[in-house]
Amino acid sequence: MANIKAVFGANIKYYRKKQHLTQEQLAEKLEITTKHLSTIETGANFVSADLLEKLTKQFLVSASALFYSNEEVSADDSFFGKIDRIIDNECSNISSAIKTQIRYLQYKSDK
């Protein structure tokens, strides 16, 4: 099992970089020092509940997303893959229904 602080810190770094933010920029947004952020990202320090809430709002993720390692997320990918397939299937069904309705309306207007 991975060190929870290290996993958490790696996720903070990942989401920070995903938003193209430097440590300085993110620290400013979170109202903490760059040094504090650095110790969080390296797993040497942990966050308060208030800072956790700020991070989830900044990154637009659930708090639980910050606690999963890459291995755990990849095991969870099948779940998200299923959701994606359901969404794709439903969008396809809706698209087909709309096309059918348009063809029907066109057919009625041609009469």
N, C-alpha and C. Protein backbone atom coordinates (compact mmCIF):
# COMPACT_ATOMS: atom_id res chain seq x y z
N MET A 1 0.84 -1.18 0.00
CA MET A 1 0.00 0.00 0.00
C MET A 1 0.89 1.25 0.00
N ALA A 2 0.53 2.20 -0.80
CA ALA A 2 1.33 3.41 -0.95
C ALA A 2 1.12 4.35 0.23
N ASN A 3 2.13 5.18 0.47
CA ASN A 3 2.04 6.22 1.50
C ASN A 3 0.98 7.22 1.07
N ILE A 4 -0.03 7.41 1.90
CA ILE A 4 -1.17 8.25 1.54
C ILE A 4 -0.75 9.70 1.29
N LYS A 5 0.21 10.20 2.08
CA LYS A 5 0.68 11.57 1.86
C LYS A 5 1.37 11.71 0.52
N ALA A 6 2.15 10.70 0.14
CA ALA A 6 2.86 10.73 -1.14
C ALA A 6 1.87 10.66 -2.31
N VAL A 7 0.88 9.79 -2.19
CA VAL A 7 -0.15 9.67 -3.24
C VAL A 7 -0.92 10.98 -3.37
N PHE A 8 -1.33 11.51 -2.24
CA PHE A 8 -2.06 12.77 -2.23
C PHE A 8 -1.22 13.88 -2.86
N GLY A 9 0.03 13.99 -2.45
CA GLY A 9 0.92 15.01 -2.98
C GLY A 9 1.13 14.88 -4.48
N ALA A 10 1.30 13.66 -4.94
CA ALA A 10 1.49 13.43 -6.39
C ALA A 10 0.24 13.86 -7.16
N ASN A 11 -0.93 13.61 -6.59
CA ASN A 11 -2.17 14.02 -7.25
C ASN A 11 -2.32 15.54 -7.28
N ILE A 12 -1.91 16.21 -6.21
CA ILE A 12 -1.96 17.67 -6.19
C ILE A 12 -1.05 18.21 -7.30
N LYS A 13 0.13 17.66 -7.39
CA LYS A 13 1.07 18.09 -8.44
C LYS A 13 0.50 17.83 -9.83
N TYR A 14 -0.11 16.66 -10.01
CA TYR A 14 -0.71 16.30 -11.30
C TYR A 14 -1.78 17.31 -11.71
N TYR A 15 -2.72 17.58 -10.79
CA TYR A 15 -3.81 18.50 -11.11
C TYR A 15 -3.30 19.94 -11.28
N ARG A 16 -2.28 20.32 -10.52
CA ARG A 16 -1.70 21.65 -10.67
C ARG A 16 -1.13 21.80 -12.08
N LYS A 17 -0.36 20.81 -12.51
CA LYS A 17 0.25 20.87 -13.84
C LYS A 17 -0.82 20.77 -14.93
N LYS A 18 -1.85 20.02 -14.68
CA LYS A 18 -2.95 19.90 -15.65
C LYS A 18 -3.59 21.25 -15.91
N GLN A 19 -3.61 22.11 -14.88
CA GLN A 19 -4.17 23.45 -15.02
C GLN A 19 -3.09 24.47 -15.42
N HIS A 20 -1.90 23.96 -15.73
CA HIS A 20 -0.78 24.81 -16.17
C HIS A 20 -0.45 25.89 -15.14
N LEU A 21 -0.45 25.49 -13.87
CA LEU A 21 -0.13 26.42 -12.79
C LEU A 21 1.24 26.09 -12.20
N THR A 22 1.97 27.13 -11.84
CA THR A 22 3.21 26.93 -11.10
C THR A 22 2.84 26.74 -9.63
N GLN A 23 3.81 26.29 -8.85
CA GLN A 23 3.55 26.18 -7.41
C GLN A 23 3.21 27.55 -6.83
N GLU A 24 3.88 28.57 -7.31
CA GLU A 24 3.63 29.92 -6.81
C GLU A 24 2.19 30.35 -7.10
N GLN A 25 1.73 30.09 -8.31
CA GLN A 25 0.38 30.49 -8.70
C GLN A 25 -0.68 29.75 -7.88
N LEU A 26 -0.49 28.43 -7.73
CA LEU A 26 -1.47 27.66 -6.96
C LEU A 26 -1.43 28.06 -5.49
N ALA A 27 -0.25 28.24 -4.94
CA ALA A 27 -0.13 28.64 -3.54
C ALA A 27 -0.86 29.96 -3.30
N GLU A 28 -0.73 30.88 -4.23
CA GLU A 28 -1.42 32.16 -4.10
C GLU A 28 -2.94 31.97 -4.11
N LYS A 29 -3.43 31.14 -5.01
CA LYS A 29 -4.87 30.88 -5.09
C LYS A 29 -5.38 30.22 -3.81
N LEU A 30 -4.55 29.38 -3.20
CA LEU A 30 -4.95 28.66 -2.00
C LEU A 30 -4.66 29.44 -0.73
N GLU A 31 -3.99 30.57 -0.88
CA GLU A 31 -3.62 31.42 0.25
C GLU A 31 -2.70 30.70 1.23
N ILE A 32 -1.69 30.00 0.66
CA ILE A 32 -0.66 29.35 1.46
C ILE A 32 0.69 29.72 0.86
N THR A 33 1.76 29.36 1.54
CA THR A 33 3.09 29.66 1.01
C THR A 33 3.49 28.60 -0.01
N THR A 34 4.39 28.98 -0.88
CA THR A 34 4.92 28.03 -1.88
C THR A 34 5.62 26.88 -1.17
N LYS A 35 6.30 27.19 -0.08
CA LYS A 35 7.00 26.14 0.68
C LYS A 35 6.00 25.12 1.23
N HIS A 36 4.88 25.61 1.75
CA HIS A 36 3.85 24.71 2.27
C HIS A 36 3.32 23.80 1.15
N LEU A 37 3.04 24.38 0.00
CA LEU A 37 2.57 23.59 -1.13
C LEU A 37 3.61 22.56 -1.54
N SER A 38 4.85 22.97 -1.57
CA SER A 38 5.93 22.05 -1.94
C SER A 38 5.99 20.86 -0.99
N THR A 39 5.85 21.11 0.31
CA THR A 39 5.90 19.99 1.26
C THR A 39 4.69 19.08 1.13
N ILE A 40 3.56 19.64 0.69
CA ILE A 40 2.37 18.81 0.44
C ILE A 40 2.62 17.93 -0.78
N GLU A 41 3.14 18.53 -1.85
CA GLU A 41 3.36 17.78 -3.09
C GLU A 41 4.40 16.68 -2.92
N THR A 42 5.37 16.86 -2.04
CA THR A 42 6.39 15.84 -1.83
C THR A 42 5.96 14.79 -0.81
N GLY A 43 4.82 15.00 -0.17
CA GLY A 43 4.33 14.04 0.82
C GLY A 43 4.91 14.23 2.20
N ALA A 44 5.65 15.32 2.40
CA ALA A 44 6.23 15.58 3.72
C ALA A 44 5.22 16.20 4.68
N ASN A 45 4.17 16.78 4.13
CA ASN A 45 3.17 17.46 4.95
C ASN A 45 1.79 17.08 4.43
N PHE A 46 0.77 17.35 5.22
CA PHE A 46 -0.59 17.05 4.80
C PHE A 46 -1.43 18.31 4.91
N VAL A 47 -2.67 18.25 4.47
CA VAL A 47 -3.54 19.42 4.41
C VAL A 47 -4.57 19.39 5.52
N SER A 48 -5.09 20.56 5.81
CA SER A 48 -6.22 20.68 6.72
C SER A 48 -7.49 20.43 5.93
N ALA A 49 -8.59 20.28 6.63
CA ALA A 49 -9.89 20.10 5.95
C ALA A 49 -10.22 21.32 5.10
N ASP A 50 -9.90 22.51 5.62
CA ASP A 50 -10.18 23.73 4.86
C ASP A 50 -9.37 23.78 3.56
N LEU A 51 -8.11 23.40 3.65
CA LEU A 51 -7.26 23.41 2.45
C LEU A 51 -7.70 22.32 1.48
N LEU A 52 -8.13 21.19 1.99
CA LEU A 52 -8.65 20.12 1.12
C LEU A 52 -9.85 20.63 0.34
N GLU A 53 -10.73 21.36 1.00
CA GLU A 53 -11.90 21.91 0.33
C GLU A 53 -11.49 22.92 -0.75
N LYS A 54 -10.51 23.75 -0.47
CA LYS A 54 -10.03 24.71 -1.47
C LYS A 54 -9.44 23.99 -2.68
N LEU A 55 -8.70 22.92 -2.42
CA LEU A 55 -8.10 22.15 -3.52
C LEU A 55 -9.17 21.52 -4.42
N THR A 56 -10.19 20.94 -3.81
CA THR A 56 -11.24 20.31 -4.62
C THR A 56 -11.98 21.34 -5.47
N LYS A 57 -12.17 22.53 -4.92
CA LYS A 57 -12.83 23.60 -5.69
C LYS A 57 -11.92 24.10 -6.80
N GLN A 58 -10.64 24.23 -6.52
CA GLN A 58 -9.69 24.70 -7.52
C GLN A 58 -9.59 23.70 -8.68
N PHE A 59 -9.50 22.42 -8.36
CA PHE A 59 -9.30 21.39 -9.39
C PHE A 59 -10.60 20.83 -9.94
N LEU A 60 -11.73 21.19 -9.33
CA LEU A 60 -13.04 20.68 -9.75
C LEU A 60 -13.09 19.16 -9.72
N VAL A 61 -12.60 18.60 -8.62
CA VAL A 61 -12.62 17.15 -8.42
C VAL A 61 -13.18 16.84 -7.03
N SER A 62 -13.61 15.61 -6.84
CA SER A 62 -14.05 15.21 -5.51
C SER A 62 -12.82 15.00 -4.64
N ALA A 63 -13.00 15.11 -3.36
CA ALA A 63 -11.88 14.90 -2.43
C ALA A 63 -11.31 13.50 -2.60
N SER A 64 -12.16 12.53 -2.84
CA SER A 64 -11.68 11.15 -2.97
C SER A 64 -10.73 10.98 -4.15
N ALA A 65 -10.91 11.78 -5.20
CA ALA A 65 -10.03 11.67 -6.37
C ALA A 65 -8.58 11.99 -6.02
N LEU A 66 -8.38 12.76 -4.98
CA LEU A 66 -7.02 13.14 -4.59
C LEU A 66 -6.31 12.07 -3.78
N PHE A 67 -7.02 11.03 -3.39
CA PHE A 67 -6.43 9.99 -2.55
C PHE A 67 -6.13 8.69 -3.29
N TYR A 68 -6.42 8.60 -4.57
CA TYR A 68 -6.19 7.38 -5.33
C TYR A 68 -4.85 7.42 -6.04
N SER A 69 -4.13 6.31 -5.99
CA SER A 69 -2.88 6.20 -6.75
C SER A 69 -3.22 5.85 -8.19
N ASN A 70 -2.24 5.96 -9.07
CA ASN A 70 -2.45 5.63 -10.48
C ASN A 70 -2.92 4.19 -10.65
N GLU A 71 -2.40 3.28 -9.84
CA GLU A 71 -2.80 1.88 -9.94
C GLU A 71 -4.27 1.71 -9.60
N GLU A 72 -4.72 2.40 -8.57
CA GLU A 72 -6.12 2.29 -8.17
C GLU A 72 -7.04 2.94 -9.20
N VAL A 73 -6.60 4.04 -9.79
CA VAL A 73 -7.40 4.72 -10.80
C VAL A 73 -7.52 3.85 -12.05
N SER A 74 -6.42 3.19 -12.45
CA SER A 74 -6.49 2.37 -13.65
C SER A 74 -7.42 1.18 -13.44
N ALA A 75 -7.49 0.67 -12.21
CA ALA A 75 -8.43 -0.41 -11.92
C ALA A 75 -9.86 0.11 -12.00
N ASP A 76 -10.03 1.39 -11.73
CA ASP A 76 -11.35 2.01 -11.74
C ASP A 76 -11.75 2.44 -13.16
N ASP A 77 -10.79 2.43 -14.09
CA ASP A 77 -11.07 2.87 -15.45
C ASP A 77 -12.20 2.07 -16.09
N SER A 78 -12.31 0.80 -15.74
CA SER A 78 -13.38 -0.01 -16.34
C SER A 78 -14.74 0.56 -15.98
N PHE A 79 -14.87 1.08 -14.77
CA PHE A 79 -16.12 1.72 -14.35
C PHE A 79 -16.40 2.93 -15.23
N PHE A 80 -15.40 3.79 -15.41
CA PHE A 80 -15.59 4.98 -16.23
C PHE A 80 -15.77 4.62 -17.69
N GLY A 81 -15.14 3.54 -18.12
CA GLY A 81 -15.34 3.07 -19.48
C GLY A 81 -16.79 2.66 -19.72
N LYS A 82 -17.37 2.01 -18.72
CA LYS A 82 -18.79 1.61 -18.82
C LYS A 82 -19.68 2.85 -18.90
N ILE A 83 -19.38 3.83 -18.08
CA ILE A 83 -20.16 5.07 -18.12
C ILE A 83 -20.05 5.73 -19.48
N ASP A 84 -18.82 5.80 -20.01
CA ASP A 84 -18.63 6.40 -21.34
C ASP A 84 -19.42 5.66 -22.41
N ARG A 85 -19.42 4.33 -22.34
CA ARG A 85 -20.17 3.55 -23.33
C ARG A 85 -21.67 3.80 -23.21
N ILE A 86 -22.16 3.90 -21.99
CA ILE A 86 -23.59 4.19 -21.78
C ILE A 86 -23.93 5.55 -22.37
N ILE A 87 -23.10 6.54 -22.08
CA ILE A 87 -23.34 7.89 -22.60
C ILE A 87 -23.30 7.89 -24.13
N ASP A 88 -22.29 7.25 -24.71
CA ASP A 88 -22.18 7.18 -26.17
C ASP A 88 -23.40 6.50 -26.78
N ASN A 89 -23.85 5.41 -26.17
CA ASN A 89 -25.00 4.67 -26.67
C ASN A 89 -26.26 5.53 -26.60
N GLU A 90 -26.46 6.20 -25.49
CA GLU A 90 -27.65 7.05 -25.33
C GLU A 90 -27.62 8.21 -26.31
N CYS A 91 -26.46 8.81 -26.52
CA CYS A 91 -26.34 9.91 -27.49
C CYS A 91 -26.65 9.42 -28.90
N SER A 92 -26.19 8.23 -29.21
CA SER A 92 -26.48 7.65 -30.52
C SER A 92 -27.98 7.40 -30.68
N ASN A 93 -28.61 6.87 -29.62
CA ASN A 93 -30.06 6.63 -29.67
C ASN A 93 -30.84 7.93 -29.86
N ILE A 94 -30.43 8.96 -29.14
CA ILE A 94 -31.10 10.26 -29.26
C ILE A 94 -30.92 10.82 -30.66
N SER A 95 -29.71 10.72 -31.18
CA SER A 95 -29.42 11.22 -32.53
C SER A 95 -30.28 10.50 -33.56
N SER A 96 -30.40 9.18 -33.44
CA SER A 96 -31.22 8.41 -34.36
C SER A 96 -32.69 8.82 -34.26
N ALA A 97 -33.17 9.03 -33.05
CA ALA A 97 -34.57 9.43 -32.85
C ALA A 97 -34.84 10.80 -33.47
N ILE A 98 -33.91 11.71 -33.30
CA ILE A 98 -34.07 13.05 -33.87
C ILE A 98 -34.09 12.98 -35.40
N LYS A 99 -33.19 12.20 -35.97
CA LYS A 99 -33.14 12.06 -37.43
C LYS A 99 -34.44 11.45 -37.95
N THR A 100 -34.97 10.47 -37.23
CA THR A 100 -36.22 9.85 -37.63
C THR A 100 -37.36 10.87 -37.61
N GLN A 101 -37.41 11.68 -36.57
CA GLN A 101 -38.45 12.71 -36.47
C GLN A 101 -38.32 13.74 -37.60
N ILE A 102 -37.10 14.13 -37.92
CA ILE A 102 -36.88 15.10 -39.00
C ILE A 102 -37.32 14.51 -40.33
N ARG A 103 -36.98 13.26 -40.58
CA ARG A 103 -37.39 12.61 -41.83
C ARG A 103 -38.92 12.51 -41.91
N TYR A 104 -39.55 12.21 -40.78
CA TYR A 104 -41.00 12.11 -40.73
C TYR A 104 -41.63 13.48 -41.04
N LEU A 105 -41.09 14.53 -40.43
CA LEU A 105 -41.61 15.87 -40.68
C LEU A 105 -41.42 16.27 -42.14
N GLN A 106 -40.28 15.91 -42.70
CA GLN A 106 -40.02 16.22 -44.11
C GLN A 106 -40.98 15.45 -45.01
N TYR A 107 -41.21 14.18 -44.66
CA TYR A 107 -42.14 13.36 -45.44
C TYR A 107 -43.54 13.94 -45.39
N LYS A 108 -43.98 14.39 -44.20
CA LYS A 108 -45.32 14.97 -44.06
C LYS A 108 -45.44 16.29 -44.85
N SER A 109 -44.37 17.07 -44.85
CA SER A 109 -44.45 18.36 -45.55
C SER A 109 -44.41 18.19 -47.07
N ASP A 110 -43.90 17.06 -47.56
CA ASP A 110 -43.85 16.79 -49.00
C ASP A 110 -45.19 16.34 -49.54
N LYS A 111 -46.10 15.94 -48.66
CA LYS A 111 -47.40 15.45 -49.10
C LYS A 111 -48.34 16.56 -49.39
